[in-house]
Amino acid sequence: MVPVITGSKDLQNVNITLRILFRPIASQLPRIFTSIGEDYDECVLPSITTEILKSVVARFDAGELITQRELVSRQVSDDLTERAATFGLILDDVSLTQLTFGKEFTEAVEAKQVAQQEAERARFVVEKAEQQKKAAIISAEGDSKAVELIANFLATAGDGLIELCKLEAAKDIAYQLSLSRNITYLPAGQSVLLQLPQ
């Protein structure tokens, strides 16, 4: 029969659950019983498991623990197998069954994500303001160029352009007035109300 140990270790706000299938090396049983005792599994495995887990977890950051779980599991298995061999134990299987983060760590990760989203939003607002500024500058430059062109045209062609603009404006006003039924156009100098009988 192969004994099985499952257990959780809370290391630096990371909770790791392992399942370990192990057996002693038959030829080393006398040495194991005399130096460690009959409860060798309870003496050796918890201490070396904690030691190895701390060592492996320290090599990875939180993101890597999640995204490279296979590598973490393989590293724990390799290191733990090598360490257990020095105590006369064979590890047939070491499985990382669960990897979770503590409440404080999870809250810190969430706070970091919120801060990143706010920074991204602020960056977007700044970029939008810069684009609006560029658009305003381009529009002002266009207006300046148009005024310059009109001034140059007026200097060379005289007041003909102004008269043409006045006629076009009068045409637009007359068209708008013709669409409205509540407005009556009175030519200058006439007063309809004054010609009413008294």
N, C-alpha and C. Protein backbone atom coordinates (compact mmCIF):
# COMPACT_ATOMS: atom_id res chain seq x y z
N MET A 1 0.84 -1.18 0.00
CA MET A 1 0.00 0.00 0.00
C MET A 1 0.88 1.24 0.00
N VAL A 2 0.51 2.21 -0.82
CA VAL A 2 1.27 3.46 -0.92
C VAL A 2 0.53 4.51 -0.10
N PRO A 3 1.18 5.05 0.94
CA PRO A 3 0.52 6.10 1.72
C PRO A 3 0.34 7.37 0.90
N VAL A 4 -0.71 8.12 1.23
CA VAL A 4 -1.03 9.36 0.54
C VAL A 4 -1.10 10.46 1.58
N ILE A 5 -0.50 11.58 1.28
CA ILE A 5 -0.61 12.74 2.14
C ILE A 5 -1.20 13.87 1.31
N THR A 6 -2.20 14.49 1.85
CA THR A 6 -2.70 15.72 1.22
C THR A 6 -2.64 16.79 2.28
N GLY A 7 -2.30 17.96 1.88
CA GLY A 7 -2.21 19.03 2.85
C GLY A 7 -2.10 20.37 2.17
N SER A 8 -2.42 21.39 2.95
CA SER A 8 -2.34 22.77 2.45
C SER A 8 -1.27 23.51 3.21
N LYS A 9 -0.58 24.37 2.51
CA LYS A 9 0.43 25.23 3.11
C LYS A 9 0.10 26.66 2.73
N ASP A 10 0.06 27.55 3.72
CA ASP A 10 -0.17 28.96 3.46
C ASP A 10 1.18 29.66 3.47
N LEU A 11 1.65 30.04 2.29
CA LEU A 11 2.96 30.66 2.14
C LEU A 11 2.81 32.03 1.51
N GLN A 12 3.15 33.06 2.25
CA GLN A 12 3.14 34.42 1.71
C GLN A 12 1.82 34.73 1.01
N ASN A 13 0.71 34.47 1.67
CA ASN A 13 -0.63 34.71 1.14
C ASN A 13 -0.97 33.84 -0.06
N VAL A 14 -0.25 32.75 -0.25
CA VAL A 14 -0.55 31.79 -1.30
C VAL A 14 -0.87 30.47 -0.62
N ASN A 15 -2.05 29.93 -0.86
CA ASN A 15 -2.44 28.66 -0.26
C ASN A 15 -2.29 27.57 -1.32
N ILE A 16 -1.39 26.62 -1.05
CA ILE A 16 -1.09 25.55 -2.00
C ILE A 16 -1.48 24.22 -1.37
N THR A 17 -2.25 23.44 -2.11
CA THR A 17 -2.63 22.11 -1.65
C THR A 17 -1.92 21.08 -2.53
N LEU A 18 -1.23 20.15 -1.86
CA LEU A 18 -0.50 19.11 -2.56
C LEU A 18 -1.06 17.73 -2.20
N ARG A 19 -0.94 16.82 -3.15
CA ARG A 19 -1.21 15.40 -2.88
C ARG A 19 0.09 14.67 -3.18
N ILE A 20 0.55 13.93 -2.18
CA ILE A 20 1.83 13.23 -2.33
C ILE A 20 1.62 11.74 -2.12
N LEU A 21 2.01 10.95 -3.10
CA LEU A 21 2.02 9.49 -2.99
C LEU A 21 3.47 9.08 -2.75
N PHE A 22 3.72 8.41 -1.63
CA PHE A 22 5.10 8.10 -1.28
C PHE A 22 5.22 6.69 -0.70
N ARG A 23 6.49 6.23 -0.63
CA ARG A 23 6.80 4.95 0.00
C ARG A 23 8.25 4.99 0.41
N PRO A 24 8.59 4.25 1.43
CA PRO A 24 10.01 4.22 1.83
C PRO A 24 10.80 3.30 0.90
N ILE A 25 12.09 3.57 0.81
CA ILE A 25 12.98 2.67 0.07
C ILE A 25 13.19 1.47 0.99
N ALA A 26 12.82 0.29 0.51
CA ALA A 26 12.81 -0.91 1.36
C ALA A 26 14.18 -1.17 1.99
N SER A 27 15.24 -0.98 1.27
CA SER A 27 16.57 -1.27 1.80
C SER A 27 16.98 -0.29 2.90
N GLN A 28 16.31 0.85 2.99
CA GLN A 28 16.69 1.86 3.97
C GLN A 28 15.73 1.90 5.17
N LEU A 29 14.78 0.95 5.23
CA LEU A 29 13.82 0.94 6.33
C LEU A 29 14.48 0.87 7.71
N PRO A 30 15.51 0.01 7.91
CA PRO A 30 16.13 -0.02 9.23
C PRO A 30 16.71 1.34 9.64
N ARG A 31 17.39 2.00 8.71
CA ARG A 31 17.96 3.32 9.00
C ARG A 31 16.86 4.34 9.28
N ILE A 32 15.77 4.31 8.49
CA ILE A 32 14.66 5.25 8.66
C ILE A 32 14.05 5.07 10.04
N PHE A 33 13.77 3.81 10.46
CA PHE A 33 13.12 3.56 11.75
C PHE A 33 14.03 3.93 12.92
N THR A 34 15.35 3.69 12.78
CA THR A 34 16.24 3.99 13.91
C THR A 34 16.56 5.48 14.01
N SER A 35 16.70 6.16 12.88
CA SER A 35 17.07 7.57 12.94
C SER A 35 15.86 8.51 13.02
N ILE A 36 14.75 8.15 12.38
CA ILE A 36 13.59 9.05 12.36
C ILE A 36 12.45 8.51 13.22
N GLY A 37 12.19 7.24 13.10
CA GLY A 37 11.12 6.63 13.87
C GLY A 37 10.03 6.08 12.96
N GLU A 38 9.07 5.40 13.59
CA GLU A 38 7.99 4.79 12.80
C GLU A 38 7.08 5.83 12.15
N ASP A 39 6.97 7.00 12.75
CA ASP A 39 6.12 8.05 12.16
C ASP A 39 6.96 8.99 11.28
N TYR A 40 7.87 8.39 10.50
CA TYR A 40 8.78 9.14 9.64
C TYR A 40 8.03 10.05 8.68
N ASP A 41 6.87 9.57 8.18
CA ASP A 41 6.12 10.37 7.22
C ASP A 41 5.60 11.66 7.85
N GLU A 42 5.19 11.60 9.10
CA GLU A 42 4.68 12.79 9.79
C GLU A 42 5.80 13.72 10.21
N CYS A 43 6.99 13.19 10.35
CA CYS A 43 8.14 14.01 10.74
C CYS A 43 8.81 14.68 9.54
N VAL A 44 9.01 13.91 8.50
CA VAL A 44 9.81 14.38 7.38
C VAL A 44 9.00 15.17 6.36
N LEU A 45 7.91 14.60 5.87
CA LEU A 45 7.20 15.21 4.74
C LEU A 45 6.66 16.61 5.02
N PRO A 46 6.02 16.88 6.15
CA PRO A 46 5.54 18.27 6.36
C PRO A 46 6.67 19.30 6.35
N SER A 47 7.79 18.96 6.98
CA SER A 47 8.88 19.95 7.04
C SER A 47 9.54 20.16 5.68
N ILE A 48 9.83 19.07 4.96
CA ILE A 48 10.48 19.27 3.65
C ILE A 48 9.50 19.86 2.63
N THR A 49 8.21 19.55 2.78
CA THR A 49 7.21 20.13 1.87
C THR A 49 7.15 21.64 2.06
N THR A 50 7.12 22.10 3.30
CA THR A 50 7.10 23.54 3.56
C THR A 50 8.36 24.20 3.04
N GLU A 51 9.50 23.57 3.28
CA GLU A 51 10.78 24.10 2.81
C GLU A 51 10.79 24.24 1.29
N ILE A 52 10.38 23.19 0.59
CA ILE A 52 10.40 23.21 -0.88
C ILE A 52 9.38 24.20 -1.42
N LEU A 53 8.18 24.22 -0.86
CA LEU A 53 7.16 25.14 -1.34
C LEU A 53 7.61 26.59 -1.19
N LYS A 54 8.20 26.92 -0.05
CA LYS A 54 8.69 28.29 0.15
C LYS A 54 9.75 28.62 -0.89
N SER A 55 10.64 27.67 -1.14
CA SER A 55 11.70 27.89 -2.10
C SER A 55 11.16 28.10 -3.52
N VAL A 56 10.20 27.26 -3.93
CA VAL A 56 9.66 27.36 -5.28
C VAL A 56 8.80 28.60 -5.44
N VAL A 57 7.94 28.88 -4.46
CA VAL A 57 7.05 30.05 -4.55
C VAL A 57 7.87 31.34 -4.63
N ALA A 58 9.01 31.37 -3.95
CA ALA A 58 9.87 32.56 -3.97
C ALA A 58 10.45 32.83 -5.36
N ARG A 59 10.51 31.83 -6.21
CA ARG A 59 11.08 31.99 -7.55
C ARG A 59 10.10 32.60 -8.55
N PHE A 60 8.82 32.64 -8.20
CA PHE A 60 7.79 33.09 -9.13
C PHE A 60 7.03 34.27 -8.53
N ASP A 61 6.56 35.17 -9.40
CA ASP A 61 5.65 36.20 -8.90
C ASP A 61 4.21 35.66 -9.02
N ALA A 62 3.25 36.42 -8.53
CA ALA A 62 1.87 35.94 -8.46
C ALA A 62 1.32 35.58 -9.83
N GLY A 63 1.58 36.41 -10.81
CA GLY A 63 1.09 36.13 -12.16
C GLY A 63 1.66 34.84 -12.72
N GLU A 64 2.94 34.62 -12.48
CA GLU A 64 3.59 33.41 -12.96
C GLU A 64 3.07 32.18 -12.25
N LEU A 65 2.74 32.31 -10.96
CA LEU A 65 2.18 31.16 -10.23
C LEU A 65 0.88 30.69 -10.89
N ILE A 66 0.13 31.64 -11.42
CA ILE A 66 -1.14 31.28 -12.07
C ILE A 66 -0.92 30.82 -13.50
N THR A 67 -0.17 31.60 -14.27
CA THR A 67 -0.03 31.30 -15.70
C THR A 67 0.93 30.15 -15.97
N GLN A 68 1.87 29.91 -15.07
CA GLN A 68 2.85 28.84 -15.29
C GLN A 68 2.68 27.74 -14.24
N ARG A 69 1.45 27.40 -13.99
CA ARG A 69 1.14 26.42 -12.94
C ARG A 69 1.82 25.07 -13.19
N GLU A 70 1.87 24.64 -14.45
CA GLU A 70 2.53 23.38 -14.79
C GLU A 70 4.01 23.41 -14.41
N LEU A 71 4.67 24.52 -14.72
CA LEU A 71 6.08 24.66 -14.39
C LEU A 71 6.28 24.67 -12.87
N VAL A 72 5.41 25.38 -12.16
CA VAL A 72 5.49 25.42 -10.69
C VAL A 72 5.31 24.02 -10.14
N SER A 73 4.30 23.30 -10.63
CA SER A 73 4.02 21.95 -10.15
C SER A 73 5.21 21.02 -10.43
N ARG A 74 5.78 21.12 -11.62
CA ARG A 74 6.92 20.27 -11.97
C ARG A 74 8.13 20.59 -11.10
N GLN A 75 8.36 21.89 -10.84
CA GLN A 75 9.49 22.30 -10.02
C GLN A 75 9.32 21.80 -8.59
N VAL A 76 8.09 21.90 -8.04
CA VAL A 76 7.82 21.39 -6.68
C VAL A 76 8.06 19.89 -6.65
N SER A 77 7.56 19.18 -7.65
CA SER A 77 7.71 17.73 -7.70
C SER A 77 9.18 17.33 -7.78
N ASP A 78 9.94 17.96 -8.67
CA ASP A 78 11.36 17.62 -8.82
C ASP A 78 12.15 17.89 -7.54
N ASP A 79 11.95 19.10 -6.97
CA ASP A 79 12.70 19.47 -5.76
C ASP A 79 12.31 18.59 -4.58
N LEU A 80 11.01 18.32 -4.46
CA LEU A 80 10.53 17.51 -3.33
C LEU A 80 11.00 16.05 -3.46
N THR A 81 10.99 15.53 -4.66
CA THR A 81 11.46 14.16 -4.88
C THR A 81 12.93 14.03 -4.53
N GLU A 82 13.72 15.01 -4.95
CA GLU A 82 15.15 14.99 -4.66
C GLU A 82 15.40 15.10 -3.15
N ARG A 83 14.67 15.99 -2.49
CA ARG A 83 14.86 16.18 -1.05
C ARG A 83 14.39 14.95 -0.26
N ALA A 84 13.28 14.35 -0.66
CA ALA A 84 12.75 13.17 0.05
C ALA A 84 13.69 11.98 -0.08
N ALA A 85 14.40 11.89 -1.20
CA ALA A 85 15.34 10.78 -1.41
C ALA A 85 16.44 10.78 -0.35
N THR A 86 16.81 11.96 0.14
CA THR A 86 17.86 12.01 1.17
C THR A 86 17.38 11.41 2.49
N PHE A 87 16.07 11.28 2.66
CA PHE A 87 15.51 10.67 3.88
C PHE A 87 15.06 9.23 3.63
N GLY A 88 15.35 8.70 2.43
CA GLY A 88 15.00 7.31 2.13
C GLY A 88 13.55 7.14 1.68
N LEU A 89 12.97 8.17 1.11
CA LEU A 89 11.57 8.11 0.65
C LEU A 89 11.52 8.26 -0.87
N ILE A 90 10.63 7.50 -1.47
CA ILE A 90 10.37 7.61 -2.89
C ILE A 90 9.01 8.28 -3.05
N LEU A 91 8.96 9.35 -3.84
CA LEU A 91 7.68 10.02 -4.12
C LEU A 91 7.21 9.54 -5.49
N ASP A 92 6.14 8.76 -5.49
CA ASP A 92 5.61 8.24 -6.75
C ASP A 92 4.83 9.31 -7.51
N ASP A 93 4.21 10.22 -6.78
CA ASP A 93 3.43 11.27 -7.44
C ASP A 93 3.34 12.48 -6.51
N VAL A 94 3.58 13.63 -7.06
CA VAL A 94 3.39 14.90 -6.35
C VAL A 94 2.52 15.75 -7.25
N SER A 95 1.32 16.07 -6.76
CA SER A 95 0.39 16.84 -7.57
C SER A 95 -0.01 18.11 -6.86
N LEU A 96 0.07 19.19 -7.57
CA LEU A 96 -0.42 20.48 -7.07
C LEU A 96 -1.91 20.50 -7.37
N THR A 97 -2.74 20.30 -6.35
CA THR A 97 -4.19 20.17 -6.59
C THR A 97 -4.92 21.49 -6.49
N GLN A 98 -4.36 22.46 -5.74
CA GLN A 98 -5.05 23.72 -5.60
C GLN A 98 -4.04 24.83 -5.34
N LEU A 99 -4.30 25.97 -5.94
CA LEU A 99 -3.45 27.14 -5.76
C LEU A 99 -4.37 28.35 -5.64
N THR A 100 -4.45 28.92 -4.46
CA THR A 100 -5.31 30.10 -4.25
C THR A 100 -4.51 31.16 -3.51
N PHE A 101 -5.02 32.36 -3.55
CA PHE A 101 -4.37 33.47 -2.89
C PHE A 101 -5.21 33.94 -1.71
N GLY A 102 -4.55 34.45 -0.69
CA GLY A 102 -5.23 34.93 0.50
C GLY A 102 -6.06 36.17 0.21
N LYS A 103 -6.92 36.49 1.17
CA LYS A 103 -7.86 37.61 1.01
C LYS A 103 -7.11 38.93 0.79
N GLU A 104 -6.10 39.19 1.60
CA GLU A 104 -5.36 40.44 1.48
C GLU A 104 -4.68 40.54 0.12
N PHE A 105 -4.11 39.44 -0.33
CA PHE A 105 -3.43 39.44 -1.62
C PHE A 105 -4.43 39.66 -2.75
N THR A 106 -5.57 38.97 -2.68
CA THR A 106 -6.61 39.12 -3.71
C THR A 106 -7.10 40.55 -3.76
N GLU A 107 -7.30 41.17 -2.59
CA GLU A 107 -7.74 42.56 -2.55
C GLU A 107 -6.68 43.48 -3.14
N ALA A 108 -5.42 43.19 -2.87
CA ALA A 108 -4.34 44.00 -3.43
C ALA A 108 -4.29 43.88 -4.95
N VAL A 109 -4.50 42.66 -5.47
CA VAL A 109 -4.51 42.46 -6.92
C VAL A 109 -5.68 43.22 -7.54
N GLU A 110 -6.85 43.13 -6.90
CA GLU A 110 -8.02 43.85 -7.41
C GLU A 110 -7.79 45.36 -7.39
N ALA A 111 -7.18 45.86 -6.31
CA ALA A 111 -6.89 47.29 -6.21
C ALA A 111 -5.91 47.71 -7.31
N LYS A 112 -4.94 46.85 -7.59
CA LYS A 112 -3.97 47.15 -8.65
C LYS A 112 -4.67 47.20 -10.01
N GLN A 113 -5.59 46.26 -10.25
CA GLN A 113 -6.33 46.26 -11.51
C GLN A 113 -7.18 47.52 -11.65
N VAL A 114 -7.84 47.92 -10.56
CA VAL A 114 -8.64 49.14 -10.60
C VAL A 114 -7.75 50.34 -10.89
N ALA A 115 -6.59 50.41 -10.24
CA ALA A 115 -5.66 51.52 -10.47
C ALA A 115 -5.18 51.53 -11.92
N GLN A 116 -4.91 50.36 -12.48
CA GLN A 116 -4.49 50.29 -13.89
C GLN A 116 -5.59 50.77 -14.82
N GLN A 117 -6.84 50.38 -14.52
CA GLN A 117 -7.97 50.82 -15.34
C GLN A 117 -8.16 52.33 -15.25
N GLU A 118 -8.00 52.88 -14.04
CA GLU A 118 -8.13 54.32 -13.88
C GLU A 118 -7.00 55.06 -14.60
N ALA A 119 -5.80 54.51 -14.55
CA ALA A 119 -4.67 55.11 -15.26
C ALA A 119 -4.92 55.06 -16.76
N GLU A 120 -5.46 53.95 -17.24
CA GLU A 120 -5.77 53.83 -18.67
C GLU A 120 -6.85 54.85 -19.07
N ARG A 121 -7.85 54.99 -18.22
CA ARG A 121 -8.92 55.96 -18.48
C ARG A 121 -8.35 57.38 -18.50
N ALA A 122 -7.46 57.70 -17.55
CA ALA A 122 -6.84 59.02 -17.50
C ALA A 122 -5.99 59.25 -18.75
N ARG A 123 -5.27 58.23 -19.17
CA ARG A 123 -4.47 58.34 -20.38
C ARG A 123 -5.35 58.62 -21.59
N PHE A 124 -6.51 57.94 -21.65
CA PHE A 124 -7.45 58.17 -22.75
C PHE A 124 -7.96 59.60 -22.74
N VAL A 125 -8.29 60.12 -21.55
CA VAL A 125 -8.80 61.50 -21.43
C VAL A 125 -7.73 62.48 -21.89
N VAL A 126 -6.48 62.24 -21.50
CA VAL A 126 -5.38 63.12 -21.91
C VAL A 126 -5.20 63.07 -23.42
N GLU A 127 -5.22 61.87 -23.99
CA GLU A 127 -5.08 61.74 -25.44
C GLU A 127 -6.22 62.42 -26.18
N LYS A 128 -7.43 62.29 -25.65
CA LYS A 128 -8.59 62.93 -26.26
C LYS A 128 -8.44 64.45 -26.21
N ALA A 129 -7.99 64.97 -25.07
CA ALA A 129 -7.78 66.42 -24.94
C ALA A 129 -6.71 66.90 -25.92
N GLU A 130 -5.65 66.10 -26.08
CA GLU A 130 -4.61 66.47 -27.03
C GLU A 130 -5.14 66.48 -28.46
N GLN A 131 -5.97 65.50 -28.80
CA GLN A 131 -6.57 65.46 -30.15
C GLN A 131 -7.49 66.67 -30.37
N GLN A 132 -8.27 67.04 -29.34
CA GLN A 132 -9.15 68.20 -29.45
C GLN A 132 -8.32 69.48 -29.61
N LYS A 133 -7.22 69.55 -28.89
CA LYS A 133 -6.33 70.71 -28.99
C LYS A 133 -5.77 70.81 -30.41
N LYS A 134 -5.31 69.68 -30.95
CA LYS A 134 -4.78 69.68 -32.32
C LYS A 134 -5.86 70.08 -33.32
N ALA A 135 -7.10 69.56 -33.11
CA ALA A 135 -8.19 69.89 -34.02
C ALA A 135 -8.51 71.38 -33.95
N ALA A 136 -8.49 71.96 -32.75
CA ALA A 136 -8.76 73.40 -32.60
C ALA A 136 -7.68 74.22 -33.29
N ILE A 137 -6.43 73.79 -33.16
CA ILE A 137 -5.32 74.51 -33.81
C ILE A 137 -5.46 74.45 -35.32
N ILE A 138 -5.78 73.26 -35.83
CA ILE A 138 -5.94 73.10 -37.28
C ILE A 138 -7.11 73.94 -37.78
N SER A 139 -8.22 73.95 -37.03
CA SER A 139 -9.38 74.75 -37.41
C SER A 139 -9.03 76.24 -37.40
N ALA A 140 -8.32 76.69 -36.37
CA ALA A 140 -7.93 78.11 -36.29
C ALA A 140 -6.99 78.48 -37.44
N GLU A 141 -6.07 77.57 -37.76
CA GLU A 141 -5.17 77.83 -38.89
C GLU A 141 -5.95 77.91 -40.19
N GLY A 142 -6.96 77.03 -40.35
CA GLY A 142 -7.80 77.06 -41.55
C GLY A 142 -8.60 78.36 -41.64
N ASP A 143 -9.17 78.79 -40.50
CA ASP A 143 -9.92 80.05 -40.49
C ASP A 143 -9.00 81.22 -40.83
N SER A 144 -7.80 81.19 -40.27
CA SER A 144 -6.84 82.26 -40.54
C SER A 144 -6.48 82.31 -42.02
N LYS A 145 -6.28 81.15 -42.59
CA LYS A 145 -5.94 81.08 -44.03
C LYS A 145 -7.11 81.57 -44.88
N ALA A 146 -8.36 81.20 -44.48
CA ALA A 146 -9.54 81.64 -45.23
C ALA A 146 -9.66 83.16 -45.16
N VAL A 147 -9.47 83.75 -43.99
CA VAL A 147 -9.55 85.21 -43.84
C VAL A 147 -8.47 85.88 -44.69
N GLU A 148 -7.28 85.29 -44.68
CA GLU A 148 -6.19 85.84 -45.48
C GLU A 148 -6.52 85.80 -46.97
N LEU A 149 -7.09 84.67 -47.43
CA LEU A 149 -7.48 84.55 -48.83
C LEU A 149 -8.57 85.55 -49.21
N ILE A 150 -9.55 85.69 -48.32
CA ILE A 150 -10.64 86.65 -48.59
C ILE A 150 -10.09 88.07 -48.64
N ALA A 151 -9.19 88.41 -47.70
CA ALA A 151 -8.60 89.75 -47.68
C ALA A 151 -7.81 89.99 -48.96
N ASN A 152 -7.06 89.00 -49.41
CA ASN A 152 -6.29 89.14 -50.66
C ASN A 152 -7.22 89.31 -51.85
N PHE A 153 -8.31 88.54 -51.85
CA PHE A 153 -9.27 88.62 -52.96
C PHE A 153 -9.93 90.00 -52.99
N LEU A 154 -10.33 90.49 -51.80
CA LEU A 154 -10.96 91.81 -51.72
C LEU A 154 -10.00 92.90 -52.18
N ALA A 155 -8.74 92.73 -51.85
CA ALA A 155 -7.75 93.73 -52.26
C ALA A 155 -7.59 93.76 -53.77
N THR A 156 -7.72 92.61 -54.42
CA THR A 156 -7.53 92.56 -55.88
C THR A 156 -8.84 92.74 -56.64
N ALA A 157 -9.95 92.24 -56.12
CA ALA A 157 -11.22 92.27 -56.88
C ALA A 157 -12.16 93.36 -56.42
N GLY A 158 -11.91 94.00 -55.34
CA GLY A 158 -12.80 95.06 -54.86
C GLY A 158 -13.92 94.50 -54.00
N ASP A 159 -15.05 95.26 -53.99
CA ASP A 159 -16.17 94.91 -53.12
C ASP A 159 -17.16 93.93 -53.76
N GLY A 160 -16.82 93.38 -54.87
CA GLY A 160 -17.74 92.47 -55.57
C GLY A 160 -18.06 91.22 -54.75
N LEU A 161 -17.11 90.70 -54.04
CA LEU A 161 -17.32 89.50 -53.21
C LEU A 161 -18.28 89.80 -52.08
N ILE A 162 -18.15 90.97 -51.47
CA ILE A 162 -19.05 91.34 -50.37
C ILE A 162 -20.48 91.47 -50.89
N GLU A 163 -20.64 92.08 -52.04
CA GLU A 163 -21.98 92.22 -52.63
C GLU A 163 -22.57 90.85 -52.96
N LEU A 164 -21.75 89.95 -53.47
CA LEU A 164 -22.20 88.59 -53.77
C LEU A 164 -22.63 87.87 -52.50
N CYS A 165 -21.86 88.01 -51.43
CA CYS A 165 -22.22 87.38 -50.15
C CYS A 165 -23.52 87.96 -49.61
N LYS A 166 -23.71 89.29 -49.76
CA LYS A 166 -24.96 89.92 -49.31
C LYS A 166 -26.15 89.37 -50.07
N LEU A 167 -26.01 89.22 -51.38
CA LEU A 167 -27.10 88.68 -52.20
C LEU A 167 -27.44 87.24 -51.81
N GLU A 168 -26.40 86.41 -51.59
CA GLU A 168 -26.63 85.02 -51.17
C GLU A 168 -27.29 84.96 -49.81
N ALA A 169 -26.89 85.82 -48.88
CA ALA A 169 -27.52 85.86 -47.56
C ALA A 169 -28.97 86.30 -47.67
N ALA A 170 -29.25 87.32 -48.50
CA ALA A 170 -30.63 87.80 -48.68
C ALA A 170 -31.49 86.69 -49.30
N LYS A 171 -30.93 85.95 -50.24
CA LYS A 171 -31.65 84.84 -50.88
C LYS A 171 -32.00 83.78 -49.83
N ASP A 172 -31.05 83.41 -48.98
CA ASP A 172 -31.30 82.42 -47.93
C ASP A 172 -32.36 82.90 -46.95
N ILE A 173 -32.29 84.18 -46.58
CA ILE A 173 -33.28 84.73 -45.65
C ILE A 173 -34.66 84.72 -46.28
N ALA A 174 -34.75 85.11 -47.51
CA ALA A 174 -36.05 85.12 -48.20
C ALA A 174 -36.62 83.71 -48.31
N TYR A 175 -35.75 82.74 -48.58
CA TYR A 175 -36.23 81.35 -48.68
C TYR A 175 -36.76 80.88 -47.33
N GLN A 176 -36.07 81.18 -46.26
CA GLN A 176 -36.50 80.76 -44.92
C GLN A 176 -37.82 81.44 -44.55
N LEU A 177 -37.96 82.70 -44.88
CA LEU A 177 -39.21 83.42 -44.58
C LEU A 177 -40.37 82.87 -45.39
N SER A 178 -40.12 82.43 -46.62
CA SER A 178 -41.20 81.90 -47.45
C SER A 178 -41.73 80.57 -46.91
N LEU A 179 -40.93 79.86 -46.16
CA LEU A 179 -41.35 78.57 -45.59
C LEU A 179 -42.24 78.76 -44.36
N SER A 180 -42.19 79.90 -43.72
CA SER A 180 -42.94 80.14 -42.50
C SER A 180 -44.24 80.86 -42.83
N ARG A 181 -45.37 80.37 -42.30
CA ARG A 181 -46.68 80.96 -42.58
C ARG A 181 -47.01 82.12 -41.65
N ASN A 182 -46.32 82.23 -40.54
CA ASN A 182 -46.64 83.25 -39.54
C ASN A 182 -45.85 84.54 -39.73
N ILE A 183 -45.07 84.62 -40.77
CA ILE A 183 -44.24 85.80 -40.98
C ILE A 183 -44.68 86.47 -42.27
N THR A 184 -44.87 87.77 -42.18
CA THR A 184 -45.21 88.58 -43.37
C THR A 184 -44.07 89.54 -43.61
N TYR A 185 -43.68 89.64 -44.84
CA TYR A 185 -42.57 90.51 -45.20
C TYR A 185 -43.13 91.87 -45.58
N LEU A 186 -42.65 92.90 -44.93
CA LEU A 186 -43.05 94.27 -45.25
C LEU A 186 -41.84 94.99 -45.84
N PRO A 187 -41.97 95.47 -47.06
CA PRO A 187 -40.84 96.22 -47.64
C PRO A 187 -40.56 97.46 -46.81
N ALA A 188 -39.35 97.91 -46.88
CA ALA A 188 -38.94 99.09 -46.11
C ALA A 188 -39.75 100.31 -46.52
N GLY A 189 -40.15 101.11 -45.56
CA GLY A 189 -40.87 102.36 -45.85
C GLY A 189 -42.36 102.21 -45.85
N GLN A 190 -42.92 101.06 -45.74
CA GLN A 190 -44.37 100.89 -45.73
C GLN A 190 -44.81 100.46 -44.34
N SER A 191 -45.94 100.99 -43.95
CA SER A 191 -46.48 100.61 -42.66
C SER A 191 -47.94 100.25 -42.87
N VAL A 192 -48.27 99.02 -42.81
CA VAL A 192 -49.64 98.54 -43.05
C VAL A 192 -50.57 99.03 -41.96
N LEU A 193 -50.10 99.07 -40.75
CA LEU A 193 -50.97 99.44 -39.62
C LEU A 193 -51.33 100.92 -39.68
N LEU A 194 -50.50 101.75 -40.23
CA LEU A 194 -50.80 103.17 -40.29
C LEU A 194 -51.87 103.50 -41.35
N GLN A 195 -52.09 102.63 -42.33
CA GLN A 195 -53.04 102.88 -43.39
C GLN A 195 -54.43 102.34 -43.07
N LEU A 196 -54.63 101.84 -41.89
CA LEU A 196 -55.95 101.35 -41.51
C LEU A 196 -56.89 102.50 -41.24
N PRO A 197 -58.19 102.35 -41.63
CA PRO A 197 -59.13 103.42 -41.34
C PRO A 197 -59.36 103.54 -39.83
N GLN A 198 -59.64 104.79 -39.40
CA GLN A 198 -59.80 104.99 -37.96
C GLN A 198 -61.22 105.17 -37.56
